[in-house]
């Protein structure tokens, strides 16, 4: 499972949680980070 960092701060664990300090406010544009396992061929 990937972990998204900004400097030394853990910002997001996709599909689990986003750190409160990095969440978009109601009047801001945000992103939804998702993780999909690659398909095995």
C-alpha atoms as a PDB file:
ATOM      1  CA  UNK A   1       0.000   0.000   0.000  1.00  0.00           C
ATOM      2  CA  UNK A   2       1.468   3.376  -0.966  1.00  0.00           C
ATOM      3  CA  UNK A   3       1.929   6.207   1.502  1.00  0.00           C
ATOM      4  CA  UNK A   4       1.856   9.833   0.302  1.00  0.00           C
ATOM      5  CA  UNK A   5       4.281  12.207   2.034  1.00  0.00           C
ATOM      6  CA  UNK A   6       4.888  15.969   1.837  1.00  0.00           C
ATOM      7  CA  UNK A   7       8.394  16.433   3.198  1.00  0.00           C
ATOM      8  CA  UNK A   8       8.383  14.448   6.438  1.00  0.00           C
ATOM      9  CA  UNK A   9       4.586  14.621   6.895  1.00  0.00           C
ATOM     10  CA  UNK A  10       2.442  11.583   6.152  1.00  0.00           C
ATOM     11  CA  UNK A  11      -0.365  13.187   4.139  1.00  0.00           C
ATOM     12  CA  UNK A  12      -2.460  10.291   2.877  1.00  0.00           C
ATOM     13  CA  UNK A  13      -2.962   6.557   2.975  1.00  0.00           C
ATOM     14  CA  UNK A  14      -5.155   6.074  -0.130  1.00  0.00           C
ATOM     15  CA  UNK A  15      -8.539   4.572   0.674  1.00  0.00           C
ATOM     16  CA  UNK A  16      -7.927   4.943   4.413  1.00  0.00           C
ATOM     17  CA  UNK A  17      -7.324   8.503   5.602  1.00  0.00           C
ATOM     18  CA  UNK A  18      -6.063  11.994   4.727  1.00  0.00           C
ATOM     19  CA  UNK A  19      -4.307  14.082   7.381  1.00  0.00           C
ATOM     20  CA  UNK A  20      -6.607  16.861   8.595  1.00  0.00           C
ATOM     21  CA  UNK A  21      -4.101  19.630   7.846  1.00  0.00           C
ATOM     22  CA  UNK A  22      -4.059  18.549   4.177  1.00  0.00           C
ATOM     23  CA  UNK A  23      -7.805  18.184   3.578  1.00  0.00           C
ATOM     24  CA  UNK A  24      -9.477  20.670   1.257  1.00  0.00           C
ATOM     25  CA  UNK A  25     -11.874  23.080   2.935  1.00  0.00           C
ATOM     26  CA  UNK A  26     -15.478  23.424   1.703  1.00  0.00           C
ATOM     27  CA  UNK A  27     -14.573  26.378  -0.545  1.00  0.00           C
ATOM     28  CA  UNK A  28     -11.435  24.753  -2.011  1.00  0.00           C
ATOM     29  CA  UNK A  29     -10.853  22.308  -4.850  1.00  0.00           C
ATOM     30  CA  UNK A  30      -9.484  18.972  -3.636  1.00  0.00           C
ATOM     31  CA  UNK A  31      -8.266  15.651  -4.984  1.00  0.00           C
ATOM     32  CA  UNK A  32      -9.426  12.126  -4.233  1.00  0.00           C
ATOM     33  CA  UNK A  33      -6.423   9.800  -4.040  1.00  0.00           C
ATOM     34  CA  UNK A  34      -7.139   6.157  -4.852  1.00  0.00           C
ATOM     35  CA  UNK A  35      -4.978   3.071  -5.228  1.00  0.00           C
ATOM     36  CA  UNK A  36      -5.676   0.217  -7.598  1.00  0.00           C
ATOM     37  CA  UNK A  37      -3.520  -2.876  -7.679  1.00  0.00           C
ATOM     38  CA  UNK A  38      -1.912  -3.416 -11.089  1.00  0.00           C
ATOM     39  CA  UNK A  39      -3.239  -6.312 -13.122  1.00  0.00           C
ATOM     40  CA  UNK A  40      -1.011  -9.355 -13.402  1.00  0.00           C
ATOM     41  CA  UNK A  41      -0.517 -10.533 -16.948  1.00  0.00           C
END
